[in-house]
Amino acid sequence: MATKPKSEQIHDLDRLRERLVDAMLPHVAFDGWSETSLLAGARDLKLEPGLVMAALPGGPAEAARAFSELTDRRMLEAVPAAELAGLRVRDRVSALLRARFALLEPHHEAMRRLASFLALPPHAALGAKLAWKTCDAIWYAAGDTATDYNWYSKRSLLLGVLGTTSLYWLNDRSEGREATRAFLERRIDEVLKIGGTLGKGMARILDLPEHLLGRRLRPRMRVR
């Protein structure tokens, strides 16, 4: 039997990983992000243990990472670039975040379990990395082209929006989570005000004479 090209093997493995993560989600609501949930999802798909190890060798932690990245991708697919093109930047960010929460709605309890899982010391760094990656994906899709300090400040501010809104959403009992949507819009408006003030302040600092700033704030380009 002919061996598939490496690109096809990777595609097959990515697809298997997605199927496995989707299959384990109903079990996560009861057994958390654990080997039990992972193996239960594998049984639902009638997968051999070897395939589970090939798809998610890092176990539950890697499953959590795969789930977050899969949700990011589906978020971008749910709000295509053509749909975002006619919106203001703040509305692009809002649309993407609302799409993400809509995708997560069927997995509300699994997300509650994920929040607890990523709060554990062994997984805290992973949680921070995944949240930052989500914010980066949102800003990139919203058309952000910043390469200076704004690149970091925008993502840091959005990280706060994502974190507080996620906590609000997890505890929201309103009809259709309408309270979460209102909370999200308020947080975005607040952050835009903070971001505008921060940006102006940094711009004024960077306009100061170099001898007042020191070399650290004005690194020189190296010529290679």
C-alpha atoms as a PDB file:
ATOM      1  CA  MET A   1       0.000   0.000   0.000  1.00  0.00           C
ATOM      2  CA  ALA A   2       1.421   3.380  -1.045  1.00  0.00           C
ATOM      3  CA  THR A   3       2.351   5.800   1.719  1.00  0.00           C
ATOM      4  CA  LYS A   4       0.526   9.127   1.629  1.00  0.00           C
ATOM      5  CA  PRO A   5       2.564  12.309   1.066  1.00  0.00           C
ATOM      6  CA  LYS A   6       3.552  14.027   4.316  1.00  0.00           C
ATOM      7  CA  SER A   7       1.202  16.984   3.647  1.00  0.00           C
ATOM      8  CA  GLU A   8      -1.757  14.598   3.381  1.00  0.00           C
ATOM      9  CA  GLN A   9      -0.697  12.777   6.540  1.00  0.00           C
ATOM     10  CA  ILE A  10      -0.593  16.072   8.449  1.00  0.00           C
ATOM     11  CA  HIS A  11      -4.014  17.039   7.082  1.00  0.00           C
ATOM     12  CA  ASP A  12      -5.436  13.675   8.136  1.00  0.00           C
ATOM     13  CA  LEU A  13      -3.940  14.061  11.608  1.00  0.00           C
ATOM     14  CA  ASP A  14      -5.346  17.585  11.968  1.00  0.00           C
ATOM     15  CA  ARG A  15      -8.785  16.343  10.936  1.00  0.00           C
ATOM     16  CA  LEU A  16      -8.552  13.427  13.380  1.00  0.00           C
ATOM     17  CA  ARG A  17      -7.572  15.840  16.159  1.00  0.00           C
ATOM     18  CA  GLU A  18     -10.609  18.022  15.435  1.00  0.00           C
ATOM     19  CA  ARG A  19     -12.969  15.039  15.430  1.00  0.00           C
ATOM     20  CA  LEU A  20     -11.531  13.741  18.676  1.00  0.00           C
ATOM     21  CA  VAL A  21     -11.792  17.099  20.442  1.00  0.00           C
ATOM     22  CA  ASP A  22     -15.394  17.539  19.283  1.00  0.00           C
ATOM     23  CA  ALA A  23     -16.240  14.012  20.430  1.00  0.00           C
ATOM     24  CA  MET A  24     -14.786  14.486  23.916  1.00  0.00           C
ATOM     25  CA  LEU A  25     -16.595  17.778  24.642  1.00  0.00           C
ATOM     26  CA  PRO A  26     -19.887  16.207  25.858  1.00  0.00           C
ATOM     27  CA  HIS A  27     -17.872  14.077  28.296  1.00  0.00           C
ATOM     28  CA  VAL A  28     -15.850  17.062  29.548  1.00  0.00           C
ATOM     29  CA  ALA A  29     -19.040  18.491  31.052  1.00  0.00           C
ATOM     30  CA  PHE A  30     -19.079  15.516  33.458  1.00  0.00           C
ATOM     31  CA  ASP A  31     -15.468  14.354  33.749  1.00  0.00           C
ATOM     32  CA  GLY A  32     -13.528  17.563  33.096  1.00  0.00           C
ATOM     33  CA  TRP A  33     -10.482  17.914  30.847  1.00  0.00           C
ATOM     34  CA  SER A  34      -9.164  14.476  31.704  1.00  0.00           C
ATOM     35  CA  GLU A  35      -7.960  11.209  30.232  1.00  0.00           C
ATOM     36  CA  THR A  36     -11.419   9.816  31.024  1.00  0.00           C
ATOM     37  CA  SER A  37     -13.119  12.351  28.747  1.00  0.00           C
ATOM     38  CA  LEU A  38     -10.492  11.917  26.047  1.00  0.00           C
ATOM     39  CA  LEU A  39     -10.836   8.135  25.998  1.00  0.00           C
ATOM     40  CA  ALA A  40     -14.631   8.367  26.088  1.00  0.00           C
ATOM     41  CA  GLY A  41     -14.554  10.569  22.996  1.00  0.00           C
ATOM     42  CA  ALA A  42     -12.215   8.087  21.329  1.00  0.00           C
ATOM     43  CA  ARG A  43     -14.617   5.236  22.100  1.00  0.00           C
ATOM     44  CA  ASP A  44     -17.482   7.203  20.562  1.00  0.00           C
ATOM     45  CA  LEU A  45     -15.431   7.458  17.370  1.00  0.00           C
ATOM     46  CA  LYS A  46     -14.266   3.835  17.671  1.00  0.00           C
ATOM     47  CA  LEU A  47     -10.640   4.955  17.563  1.00  0.00           C
ATOM     48  CA  GLU A  48      -7.707   2.767  18.492  1.00  0.00           C
ATOM     49  CA  PRO A  49      -5.543   4.014  21.417  1.00  0.00           C
ATOM     50  CA  GLY A  50      -2.620   4.441  19.036  1.00  0.00           C
ATOM     51  CA  LEU A  51      -4.559   6.984  16.981  1.00  0.00           C
ATOM     52  CA  VAL A  52      -5.480   8.910  20.121  1.00  0.00           C
ATOM     53  CA  MET A  53      -1.810   9.155  21.053  1.00  0.00           C
ATOM     54  CA  ALA A  54      -0.901  10.217  17.520  1.00  0.00           C
ATOM     55  CA  ALA A  55      -3.526  12.973  17.472  1.00  0.00           C
ATOM     56  CA  LEU A  56      -3.072  14.269  21.018  1.00  0.00           C
ATOM     57  CA  PRO A  57       0.194  12.952  22.490  1.00  0.00           C
ATOM     58  CA  GLY A  58       0.053  15.624  25.208  1.00  0.00           C
ATOM     59  CA  GLY A  59      -3.220  14.281  26.585  1.00  0.00           C
ATOM     60  CA  PRO A  60      -5.861  16.595  28.092  1.00  0.00           C
ATOM     61  CA  ALA A  61      -3.612  19.681  28.028  1.00  0.00           C
ATOM     62  CA  GLU A  62      -3.019  19.271  24.316  1.00  0.00           C
ATOM     63  CA  ALA A  63      -6.734  18.645  23.817  1.00  0.00           C
ATOM     64  CA  ALA A  64      -7.436  21.977  25.535  1.00  0.00           C
ATOM     65  CA  ARG A  65      -4.939  23.701  23.260  1.00  0.00           C
ATOM     66  CA  ALA A  66      -6.452  22.069  20.173  1.00  0.00           C
ATOM     67  CA  PHE A  67      -9.955  23.078  21.259  1.00  0.00           C
ATOM     68  CA  SER A  68      -8.971  26.732  21.719  1.00  0.00           C
ATOM     69  CA  GLU A  69      -7.180  26.881  18.370  1.00  0.00           C
ATOM     70  CA  LEU A  70     -10.075  25.134  16.641  1.00  0.00           C
ATOM     71  CA  THR A  71     -12.496  27.653  18.147  1.00  0.00           C
ATOM     72  CA  ASP A  72     -10.301  30.517  16.921  1.00  0.00           C
ATOM     73  CA  ARG A  73     -10.356  29.117  13.398  1.00  0.00           C
ATOM     74  CA  ARG A  74     -14.099  28.580  13.429  1.00  0.00           C
ATOM     75  CA  MET A  75     -14.574  32.101  14.758  1.00  0.00           C
ATOM     76  CA  LEU A  76     -12.705  33.516  11.760  1.00  0.00           C
ATOM     77  CA  GLU A  77     -14.728  31.328   9.398  1.00  0.00           C
ATOM     78  CA  ALA A  78     -17.992  32.486  11.008  1.00  0.00           C
ATOM     79  CA  VAL A  79     -17.165  36.149  10.331  1.00  0.00           C
ATOM     80  CA  PRO A  80     -15.382  36.244   6.951  1.00  0.00           C
ATOM     81  CA  ALA A  81     -13.228  39.165   5.852  1.00  0.00           C
ATOM     82  CA  ALA A  82     -15.853  40.367   3.361  1.00  0.00           C
ATOM     83  CA  GLU A  83     -18.343  40.757   6.196  1.00  0.00           C
ATOM     84  CA  LEU A  84     -15.880  42.660   8.356  1.00  0.00           C
ATOM     85  CA  ALA A  85     -14.756  45.001   5.579  1.00  0.00           C
ATOM     86  CA  GLY A  86     -17.624  47.445   5.946  1.00  0.00           C
ATOM     87  CA  LEU A  87     -17.420  47.743   9.723  1.00  0.00           C
ATOM     88  CA  ARG A  88     -15.530  50.056  12.050  1.00  0.00           C
ATOM     89  CA  VAL A  89     -12.576  48.427  13.794  1.00  0.00           C
ATOM     90  CA  ARG A  90     -14.368  48.336  17.167  1.00  0.00           C
ATOM     91  CA  ASP A  91     -17.342  46.646  15.502  1.00  0.00           C
ATOM     92  CA  ARG A  92     -15.045  44.102  13.839  1.00  0.00           C
ATOM     93  CA  VAL A  93     -13.591  43.190  17.207  1.00  0.00           C
ATOM     94  CA  SER A  94     -17.084  42.992  18.698  1.00  0.00           C
ATOM     95  CA  ALA A  95     -18.377  40.805  15.851  1.00  0.00           C
ATOM     96  CA  LEU A  96     -15.497  38.366  16.214  1.00  0.00           C
ATOM     97  CA  LEU A  97     -15.862  38.079  19.978  1.00  0.00           C
ATOM     98  CA  ARG A  98     -19.621  37.604  19.700  1.00  0.00           C
ATOM     99  CA  ALA A  99     -19.052  34.883  17.113  1.00  0.00           C
ATOM    100  CA  ARG A 100     -16.633  33.150  19.459  1.00  0.00           C
ATOM    101  CA  PHE A 101     -19.068  33.129  22.359  1.00  0.00           C
ATOM    102  CA  ALA A 102     -21.824  31.868  20.045  1.00  0.00           C
ATOM    103  CA  LEU A 103     -19.597  28.957  19.027  1.00  0.00           C
ATOM    104  CA  LEU A 104     -18.884  28.180  22.682  1.00  0.00           C
ATOM    105  CA  GLU A 105     -22.521  28.365  23.781  1.00  0.00           C
ATOM    106  CA  PRO A 106     -23.231  24.626  23.271  1.00  0.00           C
ATOM    107  CA  HIS A 107     -20.178  23.874  25.401  1.00  0.00           C
ATOM    108  CA  HIS A 108     -20.907  26.172  28.318  1.00  0.00           C
ATOM    109  CA  GLU A 109     -20.171  23.577  31.005  1.00  0.00           C
ATOM    110  CA  ALA A 110     -17.084  22.324  29.188  1.00  0.00           C
ATOM    111  CA  MET A 111     -15.804  25.908  29.160  1.00  0.00           C
ATOM    112  CA  ARG A 112     -16.439  26.198  32.892  1.00  0.00           C
ATOM    113  CA  ARG A 113     -14.357  23.071  33.355  1.00  0.00           C
ATOM    114  CA  LEU A 114     -11.702  24.477  31.021  1.00  0.00           C
ATOM    115  CA  ALA A 115     -11.431  27.660  33.085  1.00  0.00           C
ATOM    116  CA  SER A 116     -10.785  25.549  36.193  1.00  0.00           C
ATOM    117  CA  PHE A 117      -8.315  23.339  34.314  1.00  0.00           C
ATOM    118  CA  LEU A 118      -6.274  26.273  33.002  1.00  0.00           C
ATOM    119  CA  ALA A 119      -6.281  27.930  36.423  1.00  0.00           C
ATOM    120  CA  LEU A 120      -4.221  25.060  37.835  1.00  0.00           C
ATOM    121  CA  PRO A 121      -0.512  25.946  38.245  1.00  0.00           C
ATOM    122  CA  PRO A 122       0.724  23.324  35.729  1.00  0.00           C
ATOM    123  CA  HIS A 123      -1.579  24.750  33.034  1.00  0.00           C
ATOM    124  CA  ALA A 124      -1.581  28.491  33.819  1.00  0.00           C
ATOM    125  CA  ALA A 125       1.096  29.274  31.217  1.00  0.00           C
ATOM    126  CA  LEU A 126      -0.871  27.376  28.578  1.00  0.00           C
ATOM    127  CA  GLY A 127      -4.016  29.337  29.443  1.00  0.00           C
ATOM    128  CA  ALA A 128      -2.193  32.658  29.088  1.00  0.00           C
ATOM    129  CA  LYS A 129      -0.660  31.606  25.774  1.00  0.00           C
ATOM    130  CA  LEU A 130      -4.008  30.495  24.331  1.00  0.00           C
ATOM    131  CA  ALA A 131      -5.779  33.688  25.408  1.00  0.00           C
ATOM    132  CA  TRP A 132      -3.026  35.822  23.852  1.00  0.00           C
ATOM    133  CA  LYS A 133      -3.230  33.789  20.647  1.00  0.00           C
ATOM    134  CA  THR A 134      -6.979  34.389  20.459  1.00  0.00           C
ATOM    135  CA  CYS A 135      -6.531  38.140  20.924  1.00  0.00           C
ATOM    136  CA  ASP A 136      -3.834  38.202  18.262  1.00  0.00           C
ATOM    137  CA  ALA A 137      -6.123  36.363  15.816  1.00  0.00           C
ATOM    138  CA  ILE A 138      -8.943  38.826  16.488  1.00  0.00           C
ATOM    139  CA  TRP A 139      -6.788  41.926  15.974  1.00  0.00           C
ATOM    140  CA  TYR A 140      -5.225  40.488  12.837  1.00  0.00           C
ATOM    141  CA  ALA A 141      -8.669  39.696  11.386  1.00  0.00           C
ATOM    142  CA  ALA A 142      -9.851  43.181  12.367  1.00  0.00           C
ATOM    143  CA  GLY A 143      -7.131  44.637  10.133  1.00  0.00           C
ATOM    144  CA  ASP A 144      -4.545  45.640  12.714  1.00  0.00           C
ATOM    145  CA  THR A 145      -1.165  46.380  11.118  1.00  0.00           C
ATOM    146  CA  ALA A 146       0.647  47.814  14.148  1.00  0.00           C
ATOM    147  CA  THR A 147       4.285  46.834  14.570  1.00  0.00           C
ATOM    148  CA  ASP A 148       5.290  49.153  17.440  1.00  0.00           C
ATOM    149  CA  TYR A 149       4.195  49.311  21.086  1.00  0.00           C
ATOM    150  CA  ASN A 150       0.580  49.441  19.857  1.00  0.00           C
ATOM    151  CA  TRP A 151       0.857  45.780  18.846  1.00  0.00           C
ATOM    152  CA  TYR A 152       1.350  44.819  22.489  1.00  0.00           C
ATOM    153  CA  SER A 153      -1.008  47.364  24.028  1.00  0.00           C
ATOM    154  CA  LYS A 154      -3.936  46.414  21.769  1.00  0.00           C
ATOM    155  CA  ARG A 155      -3.582  42.739  22.549  1.00  0.00           C
ATOM    156  CA  SER A 156      -3.080  43.351  26.254  1.00  0.00           C
ATOM    157  CA  LEU A 157      -6.208  45.469  26.448  1.00  0.00           C
ATOM    158  CA  LEU A 158      -8.238  42.934  24.463  1.00  0.00           C
ATOM    159  CA  LEU A 159      -6.940  40.219  26.774  1.00  0.00           C
ATOM    160  CA  GLY A 160      -8.701  42.017  29.612  1.00  0.00           C
ATOM    161  CA  VAL A 161     -11.926  42.196  27.619  1.00  0.00           C
ATOM    162  CA  LEU A 162     -11.773  38.506  26.744  1.00  0.00           C
ATOM    163  CA  GLY A 163     -11.022  37.456  30.306  1.00  0.00           C
ATOM    164  CA  THR A 164     -13.667  39.518  32.094  1.00  0.00           C
ATOM    165  CA  THR A 165     -16.341  38.802  29.480  1.00  0.00           C
ATOM    166  CA  SER A 166     -15.613  35.077  29.633  1.00  0.00           C
ATOM    167  CA  LEU A 167     -16.099  35.098  33.404  1.00  0.00           C
ATOM    168  CA  TYR A 168     -19.314  37.106  33.019  1.00  0.00           C
ATOM    169  CA  TRP A 169     -20.573  34.707  30.328  1.00  0.00           C
ATOM    170  CA  LEU A 170     -19.900  31.667  32.503  1.00  0.00           C
ATOM    171  CA  ASN A 171     -22.166  33.088  35.223  1.00  0.00           C
ATOM    172  CA  ASP A 172     -24.757  34.755  32.997  1.00  0.00           C
ATOM    173  CA  ARG A 173     -28.283  33.396  33.448  1.00  0.00           C
ATOM    174  CA  SER A 174     -30.061  35.969  31.284  1.00  0.00           C
ATOM    175  CA  GLU A 175     -32.237  34.995  28.329  1.00  0.00           C
ATOM    176  CA  GLY A 176     -30.011  34.242  25.345  1.00  0.00           C
ATOM    177  CA  ARG A 177     -27.018  35.614  27.348  1.00  0.00           C
ATOM    178  CA  GLU A 178     -28.136  39.105  26.377  1.00  0.00           C
ATOM    179  CA  ALA A 179     -26.499  40.469  29.518  1.00  0.00           C
ATOM    180  CA  THR A 180     -23.158  39.127  28.294  1.00  0.00           C
ATOM    181  CA  ARG A 181     -23.536  40.898  24.984  1.00  0.00           C
ATOM    182  CA  ALA A 182     -24.280  44.212  26.720  1.00  0.00           C
ATOM    183  CA  PHE A 183     -21.336  43.656  29.078  1.00  0.00           C
ATOM    184  CA  LEU A 184     -19.041  42.946  26.123  1.00  0.00           C
ATOM    185  CA  GLU A 185     -20.032  46.141  24.316  1.00  0.00           C
ATOM    186  CA  ARG A 186     -19.424  48.204  27.469  1.00  0.00           C
ATOM    187  CA  ARG A 187     -16.019  46.631  28.004  1.00  0.00           C
ATOM    188  CA  ILE A 188     -14.962  47.295  24.402  1.00  0.00           C
ATOM    189  CA  ASP A 189     -15.986  50.959  24.693  1.00  0.00           C
ATOM    190  CA  GLU A 190     -14.100  51.302  27.972  1.00  0.00           C
ATOM    191  CA  VAL A 191     -10.982  49.719  26.517  1.00  0.00           C
ATOM    192  CA  LEU A 192     -11.084  51.957  23.448  1.00  0.00           C
ATOM    193  CA  LYS A 193     -11.058  54.993  25.718  1.00  0.00           C
ATOM    194  CA  ILE A 194      -8.158  53.588  27.734  1.00  0.00           C
ATOM    195  CA  GLY A 195      -6.324  52.606  24.570  1.00  0.00           C
ATOM    196  CA  GLY A 196      -6.723  56.055  23.080  1.00  0.00           C
ATOM    197  CA  THR A 197      -5.362  57.716  26.201  1.00  0.00           C
ATOM    198  CA  LEU A 198      -2.517  55.202  26.436  1.00  0.00           C
ATOM    199  CA  GLY A 199      -1.611  55.676  22.780  1.00  0.00           C
ATOM    200  CA  LYS A 200      -1.479  59.455  23.078  1.00  0.00           C
ATOM    201  CA  GLY A 201       0.620  59.201  26.215  1.00  0.00           C
ATOM    202  CA  MET A 202       3.124  56.845  24.607  1.00  0.00           C
ATOM    203  CA  ALA A 203       3.292  58.999  21.499  1.00  0.00           C
ATOM    204  CA  ARG A 204       4.184  62.039  23.616  1.00  0.00           C
ATOM    205  CA  ILE A 205       6.887  60.033  25.401  1.00  0.00           C
ATOM    206  CA  LEU A 206       8.395  58.802  22.155  1.00  0.00           C
ATOM    207  CA  ASP A 207       8.477  62.368  20.814  1.00  0.00           C
ATOM    208  CA  LEU A 208      10.780  63.484  23.630  1.00  0.00           C
ATOM    209  CA  PRO A 209      14.438  64.157  22.800  1.00  0.00           C
ATOM    210  CA  GLU A 210      16.480  60.979  22.783  1.00  0.00           C
ATOM    211  CA  HIS A 211      18.833  62.101  25.541  1.00  0.00           C
ATOM    212  CA  LEU A 212      15.811  62.297  27.893  1.00  0.00           C
ATOM    213  CA  LEU A 213      14.576  58.830  27.009  1.00  0.00           C
ATOM    214  CA  GLY A 214      17.728  56.790  27.120  1.00  0.00           C
ATOM    215  CA  ARG A 215      18.572  54.226  24.505  1.00  0.00           C
ATOM    216  CA  ARG A 216      16.216  51.502  25.681  1.00  0.00           C
ATOM    217  CA  LEU A 217      13.060  53.273  24.486  1.00  0.00           C
ATOM    218  CA  ARG A 218      14.574  54.161  21.134  1.00  0.00           C
ATOM    219  CA  PRO A 219      16.447  51.089  19.938  1.00  0.00           C
ATOM    220  CA  ARG A 220      18.518  51.689  16.830  1.00  0.00           C
ATOM    221  CA  MET A 221      18.134  49.513  13.780  1.00  0.00           C
ATOM    222  CA  ARG A 222      21.075  47.222  13.207  1.00  0.00           C
ATOM    223  CA  VAL A 223      22.505  47.188   9.734  1.00  0.00           C
ATOM    224  CA  ARG A 224      23.524  43.689   8.740  1.00  0.00           C
END
